[in-house]
Amino acid sequence: MIFQRKKFAIQSLDPSLAQNYIGGRGFAIKTLWDELPPGIDPLSPMNKLILAVGPLTALPIPNSGKLLVAAKSPLTGGYGDGNVGSWLAIHMRRAGVDMIIIEGKAEKPTYLYIENRGDEFRVDFNSAEDLWGLDSFTTEDRLKKIHGSDIGMVLIGPAGENLVRFATVVAQKGRSGGRPGMGAVMGSKNLKAVVMRGHGEIKVADPMLRKIGLDAIVATKSKPGYPFWMRQGTTSTVEWAQEASVLPTYNYTEVNSMNMRR
């Protein structure tokens, strides 16, 4: 899908892309490499924001709810991406969509609503002027009041709107991704949110995948550290990261040097 001048297009995924660049990150890297002119300003309408999923996304296996968000980074000037747990990834797969490619810039704050019925897509370019300036939590609540709770979305808050170069995109009240400035790229396009509802079954070639995935989920949840990880999230890595001298305090200028090895 291409977002430009309030128009969209459905494009078939090239089978060679799916085979040679597996997954959301592969799709995004290849697309940006092929389609972005060298030297463009990451915050210009020339940049492309890509939302992508992989072949295992939304299947009943561990860690399958991730969405890849990518663009040329306004922070580094190179490739930038992030992954974020989001129901949007699930709804994309339910709709049979592997990538959403957003390009150009809306004239006024806008949010995108996408819904499929079979092979037919409804794509609405809705005003986000009453959402602009709101934090991500409030925005999510507002959008769920409009479209219902059974939707997936990613959105930005004031940091992305104000083009902070390390702003992230946000989902589900606290999940975020895209530290190289994917939120700023979204803000540069006057795009407050992407909202989607997908209808459809996610088919797999081998039904054994579901059994293997469910067995893996059971095994993961039975691990002794699972409750702690669920409670603490990635903040639980701080202590061991410091001990291993990989905690990027002050851009790696302050680490536990006693544990550093050559």
C-alpha atoms as a PDB file:
ATOM      1  CA  MET A   1       0.000   0.000   0.000  1.00  0.00           C
ATOM      2  CA  ILE A   2       1.240   3.485  -0.837  1.00  0.00           C
ATOM      3  CA  PHE A   3       0.070   6.571   1.096  1.00  0.00           C
ATOM      4  CA  GLN A   4       0.342   9.694  -1.053  1.00  0.00           C
ATOM      5  CA  ARG A   5      -2.124  12.486  -1.874  1.00  0.00           C
ATOM      6  CA  LYS A   6      -4.839  10.471  -0.139  1.00  0.00           C
ATOM      7  CA  LYS A   7      -4.452   7.623  -2.596  1.00  0.00           C
ATOM      8  CA  PHE A   8      -3.602   3.992  -2.069  1.00  0.00           C
ATOM      9  CA  ALA A   9      -2.660   1.054  -4.261  1.00  0.00           C
ATOM     10  CA  ILE A  10      -2.553  -2.680  -3.666  1.00  0.00           C
ATOM     11  CA  GLN A  11       0.579  -4.354  -4.968  1.00  0.00           C
ATOM     12  CA  SER A  12       1.424  -8.062  -5.087  1.00  0.00           C
ATOM     13  CA  LEU A  13       4.502  -9.132  -3.163  1.00  0.00           C
ATOM     14  CA  ASP A  14       7.272 -10.301  -5.456  1.00  0.00           C
ATOM     15  CA  PRO A  15       7.863 -14.011  -4.650  1.00  0.00           C
ATOM     16  CA  SER A  16      11.634 -13.507  -4.968  1.00  0.00           C
ATOM     17  CA  LEU A  17      11.472 -10.811  -2.281  1.00  0.00           C
ATOM     18  CA  ALA A  18       9.651 -13.176   0.053  1.00  0.00           C
ATOM     19  CA  GLN A  19      12.157 -15.964  -0.563  1.00  0.00           C
ATOM     20  CA  ASN A  20      15.402 -13.981  -0.546  1.00  0.00           C
ATOM     21  CA  TYR A  21      14.631 -11.338   2.098  1.00  0.00           C
ATOM     22  CA  ILE A  22      12.621 -13.253   4.664  1.00  0.00           C
ATOM     23  CA  GLY A  23      10.590 -11.309   7.165  1.00  0.00           C
ATOM     24  CA  GLY A  24       9.704  -7.727   7.914  1.00  0.00           C
ATOM     25  CA  ARG A  25      13.271  -6.471   8.293  1.00  0.00           C
ATOM     26  CA  GLY A  26      14.336  -8.083   5.028  1.00  0.00           C
ATOM     27  CA  PHE A  27      11.353  -6.624   3.187  1.00  0.00           C
ATOM     28  CA  ALA A  28      12.035  -3.151   4.582  1.00  0.00           C
ATOM     29  CA  ILE A  29      15.786  -3.093   3.928  1.00  0.00           C
ATOM     30  CA  LYS A  30      15.400  -4.249   0.331  1.00  0.00           C
ATOM     31  CA  THR A  31      12.529  -1.848  -0.399  1.00  0.00           C
ATOM     32  CA  LEU A  32      14.279   1.191   1.039  1.00  0.00           C
ATOM     33  CA  TRP A  33      17.548   0.330  -0.717  1.00  0.00           C
ATOM     34  CA  ASP A  34      15.801   0.021  -4.068  1.00  0.00           C
ATOM     35  CA  GLU A  35      13.360   2.914  -3.823  1.00  0.00           C
ATOM     36  CA  LEU A  36      14.973   5.748  -1.850  1.00  0.00           C
ATOM     37  CA  PRO A  37      17.100   8.200  -3.855  1.00  0.00           C
ATOM     38  CA  PRO A  38      20.570   8.686  -2.325  1.00  0.00           C
ATOM     39  CA  GLY A  39      21.032  11.705  -0.080  1.00  0.00           C
ATOM     40  CA  ILE A  40      17.403  12.457   0.726  1.00  0.00           C
ATOM     41  CA  ASP A  41      16.472  14.226   3.956  1.00  0.00           C
ATOM     42  CA  PRO A  42      14.964  11.590   6.290  1.00  0.00           C
ATOM     43  CA  LEU A  43      12.338  14.105   7.425  1.00  0.00           C
ATOM     44  CA  SER A  44      11.318  15.062   3.902  1.00  0.00           C
ATOM     45  CA  PRO A  45       8.287  13.666   2.045  1.00  0.00           C
ATOM     46  CA  MET A  46      10.752  11.639  -0.038  1.00  0.00           C
ATOM     47  CA  ASN A  47      11.383   9.227   2.818  1.00  0.00           C
ATOM     48  CA  LYS A  48       9.240   6.109   3.110  1.00  0.00           C
ATOM     49  CA  LEU A  49       7.905   4.685   6.343  1.00  0.00           C
ATOM     50  CA  ILE A  50       7.459   0.921   6.168  1.00  0.00           C
ATOM     51  CA  LEU A  51       5.362  -1.270   8.449  1.00  0.00           C
ATOM     52  CA  ALA A  52       6.130  -4.927   7.767  1.00  0.00           C
ATOM     53  CA  VAL A  53       5.515  -8.404   9.129  1.00  0.00           C
ATOM     54  CA  GLY A  54       7.128 -11.787   8.525  1.00  0.00           C
ATOM     55  CA  PRO A  55       5.877 -15.277   7.657  1.00  0.00           C
ATOM     56  CA  LEU A  56       5.626 -16.366  11.312  1.00  0.00           C
ATOM     57  CA  THR A  57       3.861 -13.222  12.542  1.00  0.00           C
ATOM     58  CA  ALA A  58       0.497 -13.845  14.230  1.00  0.00           C
ATOM     59  CA  LEU A  59       0.923 -17.623  14.381  1.00  0.00           C
ATOM     60  CA  PRO A  60       0.521 -19.380  17.750  1.00  0.00           C
ATOM     61  CA  ILE A  61       4.246 -19.467  18.492  1.00  0.00           C
ATOM     62  CA  PRO A  62       6.380 -17.470  20.957  1.00  0.00           C
ATOM     63  CA  ASN A  63       7.261 -13.859  20.094  1.00  0.00           C
ATOM     64  CA  SER A  64       5.080 -13.776  16.985  1.00  0.00           C
ATOM     65  CA  GLY A  65       3.308 -10.490  17.658  1.00  0.00           C
ATOM     66  CA  LYS A  66       6.038  -8.145  16.440  1.00  0.00           C
ATOM     67  CA  LEU A  67       5.729  -5.373  13.872  1.00  0.00           C
ATOM     68  CA  LEU A  68       8.802  -4.005  12.062  1.00  0.00           C
ATOM     69  CA  VAL A  69       8.829  -0.222  11.550  1.00  0.00           C
ATOM     70  CA  ALA A  70      11.550   1.114   9.244  1.00  0.00           C
ATOM     71  CA  ALA A  71      12.698   4.192   7.318  1.00  0.00           C
ATOM     72  CA  LYS A  72      15.815   6.190   6.622  1.00  0.00           C
ATOM     73  CA  SER A  73      16.821   7.378  10.066  1.00  0.00           C
ATOM     74  CA  PRO A  74      16.810  11.085  10.964  1.00  0.00           C
ATOM     75  CA  LEU A  75      19.137  10.238  13.858  1.00  0.00           C
ATOM     76  CA  THR A  76      21.903   8.467  11.928  1.00  0.00           C
ATOM     77  CA  GLY A  77      21.221   9.225   8.279  1.00  0.00           C
ATOM     78  CA  GLY A  78      21.305   5.490   7.521  1.00  0.00           C
ATOM     79  CA  TYR A  79      18.876   2.629   7.740  1.00  0.00           C
ATOM     80  CA  GLY A  80      16.759   2.677  10.880  1.00  0.00           C
ATOM     81  CA  ASP A  81      14.141   0.358  12.277  1.00  0.00           C
ATOM     82  CA  GLY A  82      12.549  -0.978  15.398  1.00  0.00           C
ATOM     83  CA  ASN A  83      10.190  -3.772  16.320  1.00  0.00           C
ATOM     84  CA  VAL A  84       7.204  -3.336  18.544  1.00  0.00           C
ATOM     85  CA  GLY A  85       4.663  -5.755  19.930  1.00  0.00           C
ATOM     86  CA  SER A  86       1.381  -4.656  18.436  1.00  0.00           C
ATOM     87  CA  TRP A  87      -2.024  -5.962  17.487  1.00  0.00           C
ATOM     88  CA  LEU A  88      -1.454  -4.124  14.214  1.00  0.00           C
ATOM     89  CA  ALA A  89       0.924  -6.933  13.182  1.00  0.00           C
ATOM     90  CA  ILE A  90      -1.838  -9.482  13.815  1.00  0.00           C
ATOM     91  CA  HIS A  91      -4.426  -7.514  11.860  1.00  0.00           C
ATOM     92  CA  MET A  92      -2.045  -7.051   8.948  1.00  0.00           C
ATOM     93  CA  ARG A  93      -1.629 -10.816   8.665  1.00  0.00           C
ATOM     94  CA  ARG A  94      -5.377 -11.353   9.018  1.00  0.00           C
ATOM     95  CA  ALA A  95      -5.848  -8.957   6.118  1.00  0.00           C
ATOM     96  CA  GLY A  96      -3.175 -10.672   4.047  1.00  0.00           C
ATOM     97  CA  VAL A  97      -0.911  -7.604   4.088  1.00  0.00           C
ATOM     98  CA  ASP A  98       2.860  -8.053   4.368  1.00  0.00           C
ATOM     99  CA  MET A  99       3.905  -4.397   4.106  1.00  0.00           C
ATOM    100  CA  ILE A 100       2.360  -0.963   4.342  1.00  0.00           C
ATOM    101  CA  ILE A 101       4.537   1.634   2.606  1.00  0.00           C
ATOM    102  CA  ILE A 102       3.740   5.216   3.555  1.00  0.00           C
ATOM    103  CA  GLU A 103       5.191   8.033   1.484  1.00  0.00           C
ATOM    104  CA  GLY A 104       4.646  11.730   0.881  1.00  0.00           C
ATOM    105  CA  LYS A 105       3.204  14.108   3.461  1.00  0.00           C
ATOM    106  CA  ALA A 106      -0.358  14.875   4.426  1.00  0.00           C
ATOM    107  CA  GLU A 107      -1.384  18.504   4.166  1.00  0.00           C
ATOM    108  CA  LYS A 108      -2.906  18.387   7.664  1.00  0.00           C
ATOM    109  CA  PRO A 109      -2.646  15.952  10.602  1.00  0.00           C
ATOM    110  CA  THR A 110      -4.127  12.659   9.452  1.00  0.00           C
ATOM    111  CA  TYR A 111      -4.589   9.109  10.621  1.00  0.00           C
ATOM    112  CA  LEU A 112      -5.009   6.127   8.371  1.00  0.00           C
ATOM    113  CA  TYR A 113      -7.745   3.527   8.873  1.00  0.00           C
ATOM    114  CA  ILE A 114      -7.552   0.254   6.924  1.00  0.00           C
ATOM    115  CA  GLU A 115     -10.011  -2.637   6.887  1.00  0.00           C
ATOM    116  CA  ASN A 116     -10.410  -5.569   4.550  1.00  0.00           C
ATOM    117  CA  ARG A 117     -13.370  -7.665   3.543  1.00  0.00           C
ATOM    118  CA  GLY A 118     -11.923 -10.514   1.547  1.00  0.00           C
ATOM    119  CA  ASP A 119      -9.834  -8.986  -1.222  1.00  0.00           C
ATOM    120  CA  GLU A 120     -11.595  -5.622  -0.949  1.00  0.00           C
ATOM    121  CA  PHE A 121      -9.976  -2.895   1.149  1.00  0.00           C
ATOM    122  CA  ARG A 122     -11.441   0.154   2.799  1.00  0.00           C
ATOM    123  CA  VAL A 123      -8.814   2.839   3.315  1.00  0.00           C
ATOM    124  CA  ASP A 124      -9.849   6.083   5.032  1.00  0.00           C
ATOM    125  CA  PHE A 125      -7.679   9.179   5.408  1.00  0.00           C
ATOM    126  CA  ASN A 126      -9.187  10.722   8.527  1.00  0.00           C
ATOM    127  CA  SER A 127      -8.460  14.066  10.122  1.00  0.00           C
ATOM    128  CA  ALA A 128      -6.244  13.865  13.198  1.00  0.00           C
ATOM    129  CA  GLU A 129      -6.330  17.572  13.986  1.00  0.00           C
ATOM    130  CA  ASP A 130      -8.227  16.911  17.232  1.00  0.00           C
ATOM    131  CA  LEU A 131      -5.641  14.239  18.149  1.00  0.00           C
ATOM    132  CA  TRP A 132      -2.526  16.273  17.336  1.00  0.00           C
ATOM    133  CA  GLY A 133      -0.731  17.255  20.517  1.00  0.00           C
ATOM    134  CA  LEU A 134      -2.209  14.437  22.597  1.00  0.00           C
ATOM    135  CA  ASP A 135      -0.037  11.832  24.269  1.00  0.00           C
ATOM    136  CA  SER A 136      -0.094   8.282  22.937  1.00  0.00           C
ATOM    137  CA  PHE A 137      -2.243   6.833  25.722  1.00  0.00           C
ATOM    138  CA  THR A 138      -4.996   9.409  25.261  1.00  0.00           C
ATOM    139  CA  THR A 139      -4.824   9.039  21.487  1.00  0.00           C
ATOM    140  CA  GLU A 140      -5.249   5.269  21.725  1.00  0.00           C
ATOM    141  CA  ASP A 141      -8.301   5.683  23.962  1.00  0.00           C
ATOM    142  CA  ARG A 142      -9.849   8.173  21.528  1.00  0.00           C
ATOM    143  CA  LEU A 143      -9.282   5.915  18.521  1.00  0.00           C
ATOM    144  CA  LYS A 144     -10.764   2.887  20.283  1.00  0.00           C
ATOM    145  CA  LYS A 145     -13.879   4.913  21.081  1.00  0.00           C
ATOM    146  CA  ILE A 146     -14.219   5.669  17.369  1.00  0.00           C
ATOM    147  CA  HIS A 147     -13.349   2.275  15.882  1.00  0.00           C
ATOM    148  CA  GLY A 148     -13.862  -0.216  18.722  1.00  0.00           C
ATOM    149  CA  SER A 149     -11.374  -2.156  20.792  1.00  0.00           C
ATOM    150  CA  ASP A 150     -10.781  -4.992  18.298  1.00  0.00           C
ATOM    151  CA  ILE A 151      -8.249  -3.055  16.222  1.00  0.00           C
ATOM    152  CA  GLY A 152      -4.498  -2.776  15.903  1.00  0.00           C
ATOM    153  CA  MET A 153      -2.630   0.496  15.733  1.00  0.00           C
ATOM    154  CA  VAL A 154       0.660   2.324  15.983  1.00  0.00           C
ATOM    155  CA  LEU A 155       0.799   6.019  16.726  1.00  0.00           C
ATOM    156  CA  ILE A 156       2.977   8.872  17.885  1.00  0.00           C
ATOM    157  CA  GLY A 157       2.879  11.364  20.714  1.00  0.00           C
ATOM    158  CA  PRO A 158       4.210  14.922  20.942  1.00  0.00           C
ATOM    159  CA  ALA A 159       7.845  13.804  20.506  1.00  0.00           C
ATOM    160  CA  GLY A 160       7.134  12.371  17.076  1.00  0.00           C
ATOM    161  CA  GLU A 161       4.981  15.344  16.123  1.00  0.00           C
ATOM    162  CA  ASN A 162       7.823  17.710  17.028  1.00  0.00           C
ATOM    163  CA  LEU A 163      10.340  15.653  15.044  1.00  0.00           C
ATOM    164  CA  VAL A 164      12.521  14.604  17.973  1.00  0.00           C
ATOM    165  CA  ARG A 165      15.140  12.546  16.160  1.00  0.00           C
ATOM    166  CA  PHE A 166      14.931   9.584  18.500  1.00  0.00           C
ATOM    167  CA  ALA A 167      11.135   9.542  18.837  1.00  0.00           C
ATOM    168  CA  THR A 168       9.556   6.106  18.631  1.00  0.00           C
ATOM    169  CA  VAL A 169       6.215   4.777  17.469  1.00  0.00           C
ATOM    170  CA  VAL A 170       3.940   3.493  20.231  1.00  0.00           C
ATOM    171  CA  ALA A 171       1.384   0.708  20.555  1.00  0.00           C
ATOM    172  CA  GLN A 172      -0.782  -0.665  23.339  1.00  0.00           C
ATOM    173  CA  LYS A 173      -0.018   1.976  25.915  1.00  0.00           C
ATOM    174  CA  GLY A 174       3.677   1.584  26.459  1.00  0.00           C
ATOM    175  CA  ARG A 175       5.107  -0.695  23.805  1.00  0.00           C
ATOM    176  CA  SER A 176       7.380   1.274  21.542  1.00  0.00           C
ATOM    177  CA  GLY A 177       9.931   0.752  18.812  1.00  0.00           C
ATOM    178  CA  GLY A 178      12.082   2.628  16.365  1.00  0.00           C
ATOM    179  CA  ARG A 179      14.679   4.473  18.451  1.00  0.00           C
ATOM    180  CA  PRO A 180      16.481   5.731  15.300  1.00  0.00           C
ATOM    181  CA  GLY A 181      13.589   8.191  14.928  1.00  0.00           C
ATOM    182  CA  MET A 182      10.771   6.249  13.307  1.00  0.00           C
ATOM    183  CA  GLY A 183       8.311   8.348  15.307  1.00  0.00           C
ATOM    184  CA  ALA A 184       9.863  11.507  13.878  1.00  0.00           C
ATOM    185  CA  VAL A 185       9.515  10.158  10.335  1.00  0.00           C
ATOM    186  CA  MET A 186       5.862   9.467  11.058  1.00  0.00           C
ATOM    187  CA  GLY A 187       5.447  12.983  12.426  1.00  0.00           C
ATOM    188  CA  SER A 188       7.176  14.505   9.404  1.00  0.00           C
ATOM    189  CA  LYS A 189       4.374  13.031   7.296  1.00  0.00           C
ATOM    190  CA  ASN A 190       1.683  14.559   9.539  1.00  0.00           C
ATOM    191  CA  LEU A 191       0.612  10.999  10.277  1.00  0.00           C
ATOM    192  CA  LYS A 192      -0.682  10.558  13.811  1.00  0.00           C
ATOM    193  CA  ALA A 193      -1.652   6.885  13.645  1.00  0.00           C
ATOM    194  CA  VAL A 194      -2.177   3.836  11.482  1.00  0.00           C
ATOM    195  CA  VAL A 195      -5.245   1.861  12.554  1.00  0.00           C
ATOM    196  CA  MET A 196      -6.256  -1.468  11.063  1.00  0.00           C
ATOM    197  CA  ARG A 197      -8.845  -4.215  11.379  1.00  0.00           C
ATOM    198  CA  GLY A 198      -8.149  -7.421   9.484  1.00  0.00           C
ATOM    199  CA  HIS A 199     -10.638 -10.162   8.692  1.00  0.00           C
ATOM    200  CA  GLY A 200      -9.363 -13.482   7.508  1.00  0.00           C
ATOM    201  CA  GLU A 201      -7.655 -16.729   8.397  1.00  0.00           C
ATOM    202  CA  ILE A 202      -3.881 -17.030   8.519  1.00  0.00           C
ATOM    203  CA  LYS A 203      -3.082 -20.239   6.684  1.00  0.00           C
ATOM    204  CA  VAL A 204       0.013 -22.390   7.117  1.00  0.00           C
ATOM    205  CA  ALA A 205       1.360 -25.067   4.789  1.00  0.00           C
ATOM    206  CA  ASP A 206       2.096 -27.606   7.534  1.00  0.00           C
ATOM    207  CA  PRO A 207      -0.418 -27.939  10.390  1.00  0.00           C
ATOM    208  CA  MET A 208       2.367 -29.353  12.600  1.00  0.00           C
ATOM    209  CA  LEU A 209       3.625 -25.783  12.985  1.00  0.00           C
ATOM    210  CA  ARG A 210       0.755 -24.986  15.303  1.00  0.00           C
ATOM    211  CA  LYS A 211       1.515 -27.972  17.547  1.00  0.00           C
ATOM    212  CA  ILE A 212       5.221 -27.110  17.646  1.00  0.00           C
ATOM    213  CA  GLY A 213       4.374 -23.497  18.435  1.00  0.00           C
ATOM    214  CA  LEU A 214       1.944 -24.351  21.212  1.00  0.00           C
ATOM    215  CA  ASP A 215       4.451 -26.765  22.742  1.00  0.00           C
ATOM    216  CA  ALA A 216       7.051 -23.970  22.688  1.00  0.00           C
ATOM    217  CA  ILE A 217       4.650 -21.555  24.377  1.00  0.00           C
ATOM    218  CA  VAL A 218       3.953 -24.066  27.153  1.00  0.00           C
ATOM    219  CA  ALA A 219       7.683 -24.714  27.595  1.00  0.00           C
ATOM    220  CA  THR A 220       8.463 -20.992  27.709  1.00  0.00           C
ATOM    221  CA  LYS A 221       5.829 -20.266  30.338  1.00  0.00           C
ATOM    222  CA  SER A 222       7.109 -23.108  32.499  1.00  0.00           C
ATOM    223  CA  LYS A 223      10.605 -21.605  32.812  1.00  0.00           C
ATOM    224  CA  PRO A 224      11.494 -20.376  36.329  1.00  0.00           C
ATOM    225  CA  GLY A 225      12.349 -16.880  35.123  1.00  0.00           C
ATOM    226  CA  TYR A 226       9.169 -16.369  33.103  1.00  0.00           C
ATOM    227  CA  PRO A 227       7.039 -14.662  35.819  1.00  0.00           C
ATOM    228  CA  PHE A 228       9.885 -12.255  36.647  1.00  0.00           C
ATOM    229  CA  TRP A 229      10.428 -11.413  32.974  1.00  0.00           C
ATOM    230  CA  MET A 230       6.706 -10.783  32.471  1.00  0.00           C
ATOM    231  CA  ARG A 231       6.677  -8.499  35.502  1.00  0.00           C
ATOM    232  CA  GLN A 232       9.894  -6.588  34.779  1.00  0.00           C
ATOM    233  CA  GLY A 233      10.140  -6.725  30.985  1.00  0.00           C
ATOM    234  CA  THR A 234      13.385  -5.623  29.404  1.00  0.00           C
ATOM    235  CA  THR A 235      14.262  -3.577  32.491  1.00  0.00           C
ATOM    236  CA  SER A 236      15.277  -6.901  34.027  1.00  0.00           C
ATOM    237  CA  THR A 237      18.352  -6.853  31.763  1.00  0.00           C
ATOM    238  CA  VAL A 238      19.885  -3.772  33.392  1.00  0.00           C
ATOM    239  CA  GLU A 239      21.775  -5.609  36.142  1.00  0.00           C
ATOM    240  CA  TRP A 240      23.374  -8.285  33.957  1.00  0.00           C
ATOM    241  CA  ALA A 241      24.055  -5.769  31.176  1.00  0.00           C
ATOM    242  CA  GLN A 242      26.045  -3.672  33.631  1.00  0.00           C
ATOM    243  CA  GLU A 243      27.932  -6.727  34.851  1.00  0.00           C
ATOM    244  CA  ALA A 244      28.780  -7.652  31.255  1.00  0.00           C
ATOM    245  CA  SER A 245      29.855  -4.052  30.483  1.00  0.00           C
ATOM    246  CA  VAL A 246      27.298  -3.652  27.721  1.00  0.00           C
ATOM    247  CA  LEU A 247      24.982  -1.126  29.386  1.00  0.00           C
ATOM    248  CA  PRO A 248      25.200   1.967  27.124  1.00  0.00           C
ATOM    249  CA  THR A 249      25.443   4.512  29.939  1.00  0.00           C
ATOM    250  CA  TYR A 250      26.338   7.938  28.539  1.00  0.00           C
ATOM    251  CA  ASN A 251      26.834   6.444  25.081  1.00  0.00           C
ATOM    252  CA  TYR A 252      29.102   3.677  26.431  1.00  0.00           C
ATOM    253  CA  THR A 253      31.449   6.161  28.145  1.00  0.00           C
ATOM    254  CA  GLU A 254      30.592   4.770  31.583  1.00  0.00           C
ATOM    255  CA  VAL A 255      30.520   0.989  31.979  1.00  0.00           C
ATOM    256  CA  ASN A 256      31.800  -1.495  34.502  1.00  0.00           C
ATOM    257  CA  SER A 257      35.361  -1.526  33.188  1.00  0.00           C
ATOM    258  CA  MET A 258      36.453  -4.296  35.571  1.00  0.00           C
ATOM    259  CA  ASN A 259      34.490  -6.784  33.495  1.00  0.00           C
ATOM    260  CA  MET A 260      35.740  -5.565  30.126  1.00  0.00           C
ATOM    261  CA  ARG A 261      37.794  -8.060  28.154  1.00  0.00           C
ATOM    262  CA  ARG A 262      39.814  -7.732  25.019  1.00  0.00           C
END
